[in-house]
C-alpha atoms as a PDB file:
ATOM      1  CA  MET A   1       0.000   0.000   0.000  1.00  0.00           C
ATOM      2  CA  PRO A   2       1.396   3.460  -0.868  1.00  0.00           C
ATOM      3  CA  GLN A   3       2.385   5.640   2.045  1.00  0.00           C
ATOM      4  CA  GLY A   4       1.311   9.261   2.408  1.00  0.00           C
ATOM      5  CA  GLY A   5       2.999  12.090   4.179  1.00  0.00           C
ATOM      6  CA  ARG A   6       2.956  12.973   7.834  1.00  0.00           C
ATOM      7  CA  GLU A   7       0.758  16.027   7.430  1.00  0.00           C
ATOM      8  CA  VAL A   8      -2.281  16.659   9.599  1.00  0.00           C
ATOM      9  CA  ILE A   9      -5.662  16.357   7.872  1.00  0.00           C
ATOM     10  CA  LEU A  10      -8.975  17.558   9.286  1.00  0.00           C
ATOM     11  CA  VAL A  11     -11.871  15.409   8.067  1.00  0.00           C
ATOM     12  CA  VAL A  12     -15.301  17.052   8.410  1.00  0.00           C
ATOM     13  CA  GLU A  13     -18.226  14.733   7.718  1.00  0.00           C
ATOM     14  CA  ASP A  14     -21.589  14.448   9.453  1.00  0.00           C
ATOM     15  CA  GLU A  15     -22.228  10.800   8.534  1.00  0.00           C
ATOM     16  CA  PRO A  16     -20.340   8.733  11.151  1.00  0.00           C
ATOM     17  CA  ASP A  17     -19.710   5.712   8.911  1.00  0.00           C
ATOM     18  CA  VAL A  18     -18.396   7.842   6.048  1.00  0.00           C
ATOM     19  CA  ARG A  19     -16.227   9.873   8.433  1.00  0.00           C
ATOM     20  CA  GLN A  20     -14.820   6.712  10.021  1.00  0.00           C
ATOM     21  CA  LEU A  21     -13.941   5.237   6.619  1.00  0.00           C
ATOM     22  CA  ALA A  22     -12.147   8.422   5.524  1.00  0.00           C
ATOM     23  CA  VAL A  23     -10.271   8.719   8.831  1.00  0.00           C
ATOM     24  CA  GLU A  24      -9.179   5.071   8.859  1.00  0.00           C
ATOM     25  CA  THR A  25      -8.071   5.168   5.221  1.00  0.00           C
ATOM     26  CA  LEU A  26      -6.015   8.332   5.682  1.00  0.00           C
ATOM     27  CA  ARG A  27      -4.424   7.017   8.887  1.00  0.00           C
ATOM     28  CA  ALA A  28      -3.502   3.789   7.094  1.00  0.00           C
ATOM     29  CA  LEU A  29      -1.666   5.967   4.563  1.00  0.00           C
ATOM     30  CA  GLY A  30       0.382   7.518   7.366  1.00  0.00           C
ATOM     31  CA  TYR A  31      -1.410  10.804   7.926  1.00  0.00           C
ATOM     32  CA  GLU A  32      -2.329  12.244  11.297  1.00  0.00           C
ATOM     33  CA  VAL A  33      -6.084  12.741  11.137  1.00  0.00           C
ATOM     34  CA  ILE A  34      -8.429  14.701  13.346  1.00  0.00           C
ATOM     35  CA  GLU A  35     -12.158  14.815  12.791  1.00  0.00           C
ATOM     36  CA  ALA A  36     -15.277  16.893  13.248  1.00  0.00           C
ATOM     37  CA  ALA A  37     -18.959  16.189  12.579  1.00  0.00           C
ATOM     38  CA  ASP A  38     -19.972  19.767  11.705  1.00  0.00           C
ATOM     39  CA  GLY A  39     -18.707  23.193  10.701  1.00  0.00           C
ATOM     40  CA  PRO A  40     -18.613  24.828  14.148  1.00  0.00           C
ATOM     41  CA  GLY A  41     -16.612  21.909  15.558  1.00  0.00           C
ATOM     42  CA  ALA A  42     -14.228  22.074  12.616  1.00  0.00           C
ATOM     43  CA  LEU A  43     -13.669  25.818  13.084  1.00  0.00           C
ATOM     44  CA  LYS A  44     -12.712  25.226  16.714  1.00  0.00           C
ATOM     45  CA  LEU A  45     -10.177  22.598  15.677  1.00  0.00           C
ATOM     46  CA  LEU A  46      -8.756  24.837  12.967  1.00  0.00           C
ATOM     47  CA  LYS A  47      -8.240  27.628  15.492  1.00  0.00           C
ATOM     48  CA  ALA A  48      -6.649  25.257  18.029  1.00  0.00           C
ATOM     49  CA  ARG A  49      -4.407  23.362  15.606  1.00  0.00           C
ATOM     50  CA  GLY A  50      -2.098  25.441  13.458  1.00  0.00           C
ATOM     51  CA  ASP A  51      -0.537  22.300  12.006  1.00  0.00           C
ATOM     52  CA  ILE A  52      -3.562  21.242   9.916  1.00  0.00           C
ATOM     53  CA  ARG A  53      -2.476  21.194   6.255  1.00  0.00           C
ATOM     54  CA  LEU A  54      -5.606  19.852   4.551  1.00  0.00           C
ATOM     55  CA  LEU A  55      -9.290  20.453   5.197  1.00  0.00           C
ATOM     56  CA  PHE A  56     -11.194  17.444   3.797  1.00  0.00           C
ATOM     57  CA  THR A  57     -14.839  18.493   4.081  1.00  0.00           C
ATOM     58  CA  ASP A  58     -18.261  17.400   3.002  1.00  0.00           C
ATOM     59  CA  VAL A  59     -20.169  20.134   1.188  1.00  0.00           C
ATOM     60  CA  GLY A  60     -23.444  19.568   3.065  1.00  0.00           C
ATOM     61  CA  LEU A  61     -22.931  19.882   6.817  1.00  0.00           C
ATOM     62  CA  PRO A  62     -25.246  20.415   9.787  1.00  0.00           C
ATOM     63  CA  GLY A  63     -24.741  23.209  12.298  1.00  0.00           C
ATOM     64  CA  GLY A  64     -25.476  26.201  10.084  1.00  0.00           C
ATOM     65  CA  ILE A  65     -22.175  26.208   8.173  1.00  0.00           C
ATOM     66  CA  THR A  66     -21.791  24.492   4.795  1.00  0.00           C
ATOM     67  CA  GLY A  67     -18.514  22.966   3.730  1.00  0.00           C
ATOM     68  CA  ARG A  68     -17.980  25.890   1.368  1.00  0.00           C
ATOM     69  CA  GLN A  69     -18.579  28.430   4.149  1.00  0.00           C
ATOM     70  CA  LEU A  70     -16.220  26.470   6.394  1.00  0.00           C
ATOM     71  CA  ALA A  71     -13.496  26.524   3.754  1.00  0.00           C
ATOM     72  CA  ASP A  72     -13.943  30.245   3.138  1.00  0.00           C
ATOM     73  CA  ALA A  73     -13.747  31.033   6.870  1.00  0.00           C
ATOM     74  CA  ALA A  74     -10.713  28.802   7.347  1.00  0.00           C
ATOM     75  CA  ARG A  75      -8.835  30.274   4.395  1.00  0.00           C
ATOM     76  CA  ARG A  76      -9.453  33.850   5.534  1.00  0.00           C
ATOM     77  CA  ASP A  77      -7.184  33.118   8.500  1.00  0.00           C
ATOM     78  CA  ARG A  78      -5.002  30.530   6.741  1.00  0.00           C
ATOM     79  CA  PRO A  79      -4.817  31.198   2.991  1.00  0.00           C
ATOM     80  CA  GLU A  80      -2.242  28.427   2.537  1.00  0.00           C
ATOM     81  CA  LEU A  81      -4.677  25.766   3.772  1.00  0.00           C
ATOM     82  CA  LYS A  82      -5.493  23.179   1.118  1.00  0.00           C
ATOM     83  CA  VAL A  83      -9.170  22.227   0.780  1.00  0.00           C
ATOM     84  CA  LEU A  84     -10.689  19.058  -0.641  1.00  0.00           C
ATOM     85  CA  PHE A  85     -14.472  18.987  -1.017  1.00  0.00           C
ATOM     86  CA  THR A  86     -16.446  15.766  -1.005  1.00  0.00           C
ATOM     87  CA  THR A  87     -20.129  15.026  -1.383  1.00  0.00           C
ATOM     88  CA  GLY A  88     -22.653  12.378  -2.256  1.00  0.00           C
ATOM     89  CA  TYR A  89     -24.722  14.829  -4.328  1.00  0.00           C
ATOM     90  CA  ALA A  90     -24.750  15.644  -8.028  1.00  0.00           C
ATOM     91  CA  ARG A  91     -22.750  18.631  -9.263  1.00  0.00           C
ATOM     92  CA  ASN A  92     -25.830  20.851  -9.801  1.00  0.00           C
ATOM     93  CA  ALA A  93     -26.873  20.376  -6.178  1.00  0.00           C
ATOM     94  CA  ILE A  94     -23.378  21.338  -5.043  1.00  0.00           C
ATOM     95  CA  VAL A  95     -23.291  24.490  -7.132  1.00  0.00           C
ATOM     96  CA  HIS A  96     -26.627  25.683  -5.793  1.00  0.00           C
ATOM     97  CA  GLN A  97     -25.962  24.802  -2.151  1.00  0.00           C
ATOM     98  CA  GLY A  98     -22.298  25.659  -1.861  1.00  0.00           C
ATOM     99  CA  GLY A  99     -21.982  28.503  -4.331  1.00  0.00           C
ATOM    100  CA  SER A 100     -20.707  28.492  -7.880  1.00  0.00           C
ATOM    101  CA  THR A 101     -17.144  29.606  -7.111  1.00  0.00           C
ATOM    102  CA  TRP A 102     -14.928  26.958  -5.530  1.00  0.00           C
ATOM    103  CA  ALA A 103     -11.854  27.602  -3.430  1.00  0.00           C
ATOM    104  CA  SER A 104      -8.672  26.918  -5.311  1.00  0.00           C
ATOM    105  CA  SER A 105      -5.847  24.710  -4.089  1.00  0.00           C
END
């Protein structure tokens, strides 16, 4: 199995089984992984952990903050933060829920 880096990844996913699968897979690749079930929890972790290098977030999240809003808020304070969006919805649903302009990087 290929080995990843030693970077810290924050996985944000409200579905426990999906979150667990992502966390376990990334850890098996050698990454340090922390997790949150919603946007507010993720923002707290991002403020507390300056070593997070990748935000791996679902687009549709509970708690009043979408994945897109989470990424925008995180990158205001940390523009170097890489963001990877994930979802189980079709592209048109993503564009309308999360906005039509996606964060780069």
